[in-house]
């Protein structure tokens, strides 16, 4: 069975007139990391998740739900309507896990 999800690189997407490259992702009242991609549901043709690389030496890429996004063009940031509990729940959900299912 073919995977219904597709990863789209940030430089392939234009958000409010800006390329998605080097955008910051925020949520739960803080910066969560750098945007590394979008996961698209090909069947429904919509963005399901953002791939976010956490900051720090051992930062890893995780998936966060694309929940009520708000773009701050001046700050080059995407603000997600998620709380700390949701960030915790998704902390180990990686693109590899989703695409392998």
Protein backbone atom coordinates (compact mmCIF):
# COMPACT_ATOMS: atom_id res chain seq x y z
CA UNK A 1 0.00 0.00 0.00
CA UNK A 2 1.33 3.42 -0.95
CA UNK A 3 1.96 5.94 1.81
CA UNK A 4 -0.65 8.69 1.84
CA UNK A 5 1.77 11.25 3.28
CA UNK A 6 4.33 13.33 1.43
CA UNK A 7 7.14 15.51 2.80
CA UNK A 8 7.50 18.94 1.22
CA UNK A 9 10.68 20.92 1.82
CA UNK A 10 10.34 24.48 3.20
CA UNK A 11 11.97 26.06 0.15
CA UNK A 12 9.17 24.60 -2.01
CA UNK A 13 6.49 26.54 -0.10
CA UNK A 14 5.67 30.25 -0.15
CA UNK A 15 3.96 31.55 3.01
CA UNK A 16 2.60 35.10 2.96
CA UNK A 17 5.01 35.91 0.14
CA UNK A 18 8.06 34.37 1.89
CA UNK A 19 9.83 31.09 1.24
CA UNK A 20 9.43 28.65 4.12
CA UNK A 21 13.18 28.37 4.53
CA UNK A 22 14.61 29.50 7.90
CA UNK A 23 11.25 30.00 9.56
CA UNK A 24 10.88 29.51 13.29
CA UNK A 25 8.03 27.46 14.77
CA UNK A 26 6.47 28.64 18.03
CA UNK A 27 3.80 27.20 20.28
CA UNK A 28 2.95 26.78 23.95
CA UNK A 29 4.26 30.30 24.52
CA UNK A 30 7.82 29.57 23.37
CA UNK A 31 10.06 28.86 20.39
CA UNK A 32 9.94 25.16 19.52
CA UNK A 33 12.56 25.08 16.76
CA UNK A 34 13.22 25.63 13.07
CA UNK A 35 10.88 24.60 10.28
CA UNK A 36 12.35 21.64 8.35
CA UNK A 37 9.35 20.65 6.27
CA UNK A 38 5.65 20.01 5.88
CA UNK A 39 3.85 16.68 5.88
CA UNK A 40 0.98 16.69 3.41
CA UNK A 41 -1.90 14.24 3.35
CA UNK A 42 -2.07 13.54 -0.38
CA UNK A 43 -5.59 12.12 -0.15
CA UNK A 44 -7.10 15.16 1.57
CA UNK A 45 -4.58 17.59 0.01
CA UNK A 46 -3.86 19.41 3.25
CA UNK A 47 -0.95 20.02 5.62
CA UNK A 48 -1.14 17.68 8.61
CA UNK A 49 2.16 18.25 10.40
CA UNK A 50 5.18 20.51 10.49
CA UNK A 51 8.63 18.96 10.74
CA UNK A 52 10.41 20.95 13.43
CA UNK A 53 14.07 20.68 14.37
CA UNK A 54 14.58 21.52 18.03
CA UNK A 55 17.39 23.85 18.91
CA UNK A 56 20.49 22.74 20.74
CA UNK A 57 23.40 20.43 20.10
CA UNK A 58 21.29 17.28 20.24
CA UNK A 59 18.15 18.75 18.69
CA UNK A 60 16.08 16.25 16.75
CA UNK A 61 13.34 16.59 14.18
CA UNK A 62 9.82 15.87 15.37
CA UNK A 63 6.35 16.28 13.96
CA UNK A 64 3.92 18.81 15.40
CA UNK A 65 0.27 19.10 14.41
CA UNK A 66 -0.57 21.92 12.01
CA UNK A 67 -3.02 23.45 14.50
CA UNK A 68 -4.53 26.85 13.71
CA UNK A 69 -1.31 28.30 12.31
CA UNK A 70 -0.65 32.02 12.40
CA UNK A 71 2.23 33.48 10.40
CA UNK A 72 4.27 36.38 11.77
CA UNK A 73 5.90 37.66 8.58
CA UNK A 74 8.17 40.17 10.33
CA UNK A 75 9.55 37.52 12.73
CA UNK A 76 9.57 34.80 10.02
CA UNK A 77 7.68 32.55 12.43
CA UNK A 78 4.74 30.17 12.39
CA UNK A 79 2.77 30.18 15.64
CA UNK A 80 0.82 26.98 16.34
CA UNK A 81 -2.17 26.82 18.67
CA UNK A 82 -0.78 23.98 20.78
CA UNK A 83 -0.12 23.77 24.49
CA UNK A 84 2.74 22.30 26.50
CA UNK A 85 0.90 18.96 26.91
CA UNK A 86 0.62 18.55 23.14
CA UNK A 87 4.30 19.45 22.69
CA UNK A 88 5.12 16.73 25.25
CA UNK A 89 2.86 14.17 23.54
CA UNK A 90 4.53 14.73 20.16
CA UNK A 91 8.13 14.95 21.47
CA UNK A 92 9.12 11.53 20.04
CA UNK A 93 6.91 11.48 16.95
CA UNK A 94 9.33 11.59 14.03
CA UNK A 95 8.83 11.87 10.27
CA UNK A 96 10.38 8.41 9.88
CA UNK A 97 7.75 6.86 12.16
CA UNK A 98 4.87 8.42 10.24
CA UNK A 99 6.21 7.58 6.79
CA UNK A 100 7.01 3.99 7.77
CA UNK A 101 3.38 3.30 8.77
